[in-house]
Amino acid sequence: MGLAATEAEIADRASRFIKAELKRAGITYDELAARLEGHGLPGETRDSIKSKLKRGTFAATFLLATLAAIGLEGLRLEDI
């Protein structure tokens, strides 16, 4: 069994995962902002999304709404 990941490592992996899924789906930050509104997160902008992903820190609600907005049907924690 490997060493437990630090909070910073987990944040970085989650951020990289979201960025990769957005790229794979061909979704821009502007489009994601519009889609997030439909998933209960109004007020997100390209810049707010970019900032969250750069920091790697965001609420679980943002993560879940983003995955739903991308249309991801399943998630394996090993993939993050």
C-alpha atoms as a PDB file:
ATOM      1  CA  MET A   1       0.000   0.000   0.000  1.00  0.00           C
ATOM      2  CA  GLY A   2       1.395   3.430  -0.922  1.00  0.00           C
ATOM      3  CA  LEU A   3       1.721   6.474   1.228  1.00  0.00           C
ATOM      4  CA  ALA A   4      -1.392   8.566   1.732  1.00  0.00           C
ATOM      5  CA  ALA A   5      -1.609  11.559  -0.567  1.00  0.00           C
ATOM      6  CA  THR A   6      -1.384  15.012   0.921  1.00  0.00           C
ATOM      7  CA  GLU A   7      -4.248  17.464   0.634  1.00  0.00           C
ATOM      8  CA  ALA A   8      -2.273  19.437  -1.958  1.00  0.00           C
ATOM      9  CA  GLU A   9      -1.683  16.308  -4.039  1.00  0.00           C
ATOM     10  CA  ILE A  10      -5.367  15.395  -3.938  1.00  0.00           C
ATOM     11  CA  ALA A  11      -6.342  18.942  -4.946  1.00  0.00           C
ATOM     12  CA  ASP A  12      -3.881  18.863  -7.839  1.00  0.00           C
ATOM     13  CA  ARG A  13      -5.122  15.493  -9.056  1.00  0.00           C
ATOM     14  CA  ALA A  14      -8.783  16.574  -8.884  1.00  0.00           C
ATOM     15  CA  SER A  15      -8.007  19.753 -10.797  1.00  0.00           C
ATOM     16  CA  ARG A  16      -6.032  17.900 -13.483  1.00  0.00           C
ATOM     17  CA  PHE A  17      -8.843  15.341 -13.794  1.00  0.00           C
ATOM     18  CA  ILE A  18     -11.467  18.027 -14.393  1.00  0.00           C
ATOM     19  CA  LYS A  19      -9.259  19.832 -16.921  1.00  0.00           C
ATOM     20  CA  ALA A  20      -8.641  16.568 -18.807  1.00  0.00           C
ATOM     21  CA  GLU A  21     -12.344  15.693 -18.855  1.00  0.00           C
ATOM     22  CA  LEU A  22     -13.242  19.175 -20.117  1.00  0.00           C
ATOM     23  CA  LYS A  23     -10.677  18.863 -22.886  1.00  0.00           C
ATOM     24  CA  ARG A  24     -11.839  15.345 -23.776  1.00  0.00           C
ATOM     25  CA  ALA A  25     -15.452  16.592 -23.996  1.00  0.00           C
ATOM     26  CA  GLY A  26     -14.474  19.725 -25.934  1.00  0.00           C
ATOM     27  CA  ILE A  27     -16.040  22.004 -23.322  1.00  0.00           C
ATOM     28  CA  THR A  28     -14.631  25.478 -22.726  1.00  0.00           C
ATOM     29  CA  TYR A  29     -14.707  27.272 -19.372  1.00  0.00           C
ATOM     30  CA  ASP A  30     -17.357  29.627 -20.796  1.00  0.00           C
ATOM     31  CA  GLU A  31     -19.532  26.688 -21.824  1.00  0.00           C
ATOM     32  CA  LEU A  32     -18.976  24.997 -18.466  1.00  0.00           C
ATOM     33  CA  ALA A  33     -20.126  28.162 -16.683  1.00  0.00           C
ATOM     34  CA  ALA A  34     -23.360  28.098 -18.673  1.00  0.00           C
ATOM     35  CA  ARG A  35     -23.882  24.401 -18.009  1.00  0.00           C
ATOM     36  CA  LEU A  36     -23.197  24.808 -14.277  1.00  0.00           C
ATOM     37  CA  GLU A  37     -26.076  27.248 -14.042  1.00  0.00           C
ATOM     38  CA  GLY A  38     -28.355  24.438 -15.144  1.00  0.00           C
ATOM     39  CA  HIS A  39     -26.888  22.238 -12.433  1.00  0.00           C
ATOM     40  CA  GLY A  40     -27.588  24.629  -9.573  1.00  0.00           C
ATOM     41  CA  LEU A  41     -24.422  26.739  -9.577  1.00  0.00           C
ATOM     42  CA  PRO A  42     -25.362  30.135 -11.014  1.00  0.00           C
ATOM     43  CA  GLY A  43     -22.802  32.887 -11.047  1.00  0.00           C
ATOM     44  CA  GLU A  44     -19.795  30.848 -12.136  1.00  0.00           C
ATOM     45  CA  THR A  45     -17.717  32.546 -14.812  1.00  0.00           C
ATOM     46  CA  ARG A  46     -14.823  31.522 -17.004  1.00  0.00           C
ATOM     47  CA  ASP A  47     -12.494  33.371 -14.650  1.00  0.00           C
ATOM     48  CA  SER A  48     -13.941  31.883 -11.450  1.00  0.00           C
ATOM     49  CA  ILE A  49     -13.661  28.376 -12.895  1.00  0.00           C
ATOM     50  CA  LYS A  50     -10.144  29.024 -14.119  1.00  0.00           C
ATOM     51  CA  SER A  51      -9.160  30.310 -10.679  1.00  0.00           C
ATOM     52  CA  LYS A  52     -10.652  27.316  -8.855  1.00  0.00           C
ATOM     53  CA  LEU A  53      -8.898  24.857 -11.121  1.00  0.00           C
ATOM     54  CA  LYS A  54      -5.598  26.732 -10.868  1.00  0.00           C
ATOM     55  CA  ARG A  55      -5.777  26.701  -7.046  1.00  0.00           C
ATOM     56  CA  GLY A  56      -7.059  23.157  -7.032  1.00  0.00           C
ATOM     57  CA  THR A  57      -9.431  23.961  -4.206  1.00  0.00           C
ATOM     58  CA  PHE A  58     -13.172  23.870  -4.669  1.00  0.00           C
ATOM     59  CA  ALA A  59     -16.243  22.574  -2.917  1.00  0.00           C
ATOM     60  CA  ALA A  60     -17.529  19.080  -3.498  1.00  0.00           C
ATOM     61  CA  THR A  61     -20.681  20.678  -4.925  1.00  0.00           C
ATOM     62  CA  PHE A  62     -18.560  22.314  -7.647  1.00  0.00           C
ATOM     63  CA  LEU A  63     -16.855  19.000  -8.409  1.00  0.00           C
ATOM     64  CA  LEU A  64     -20.109  17.065  -8.622  1.00  0.00           C
ATOM     65  CA  ALA A  65     -21.926  19.738 -10.634  1.00  0.00           C
ATOM     66  CA  THR A  66     -18.963  19.964 -13.016  1.00  0.00           C
ATOM     67  CA  LEU A  67     -18.908  16.214 -13.571  1.00  0.00           C
ATOM     68  CA  ALA A  68     -22.662  16.267 -14.221  1.00  0.00           C
ATOM     69  CA  ALA A  69     -22.314  19.251 -16.579  1.00  0.00           C
ATOM     70  CA  ILE A  70     -19.614  17.411 -18.519  1.00  0.00           C
ATOM     71  CA  GLY A  71     -21.943  14.435 -18.793  1.00  0.00           C
ATOM     72  CA  LEU A  72     -19.621  12.010 -17.081  1.00  0.00           C
ATOM     73  CA  GLU A  73     -21.663   8.898 -16.376  1.00  0.00           C
ATOM     74  CA  GLY A  74     -19.243   7.166 -14.043  1.00  0.00           C
ATOM     75  CA  LEU A  75     -16.182   7.864 -11.992  1.00  0.00           C
ATOM     76  CA  ARG A  76     -13.551   5.594 -10.540  1.00  0.00           C
ATOM     77  CA  LEU A  77     -11.653   7.214  -7.717  1.00  0.00           C
ATOM     78  CA  GLU A  78      -8.485   5.587  -9.059  1.00  0.00           C
ATOM     79  CA  ASP A  79      -8.878   7.814 -12.133  1.00  0.00           C
ATOM     80  CA  ILE A  80      -8.419  10.962 -10.061  1.00  0.00           C
END
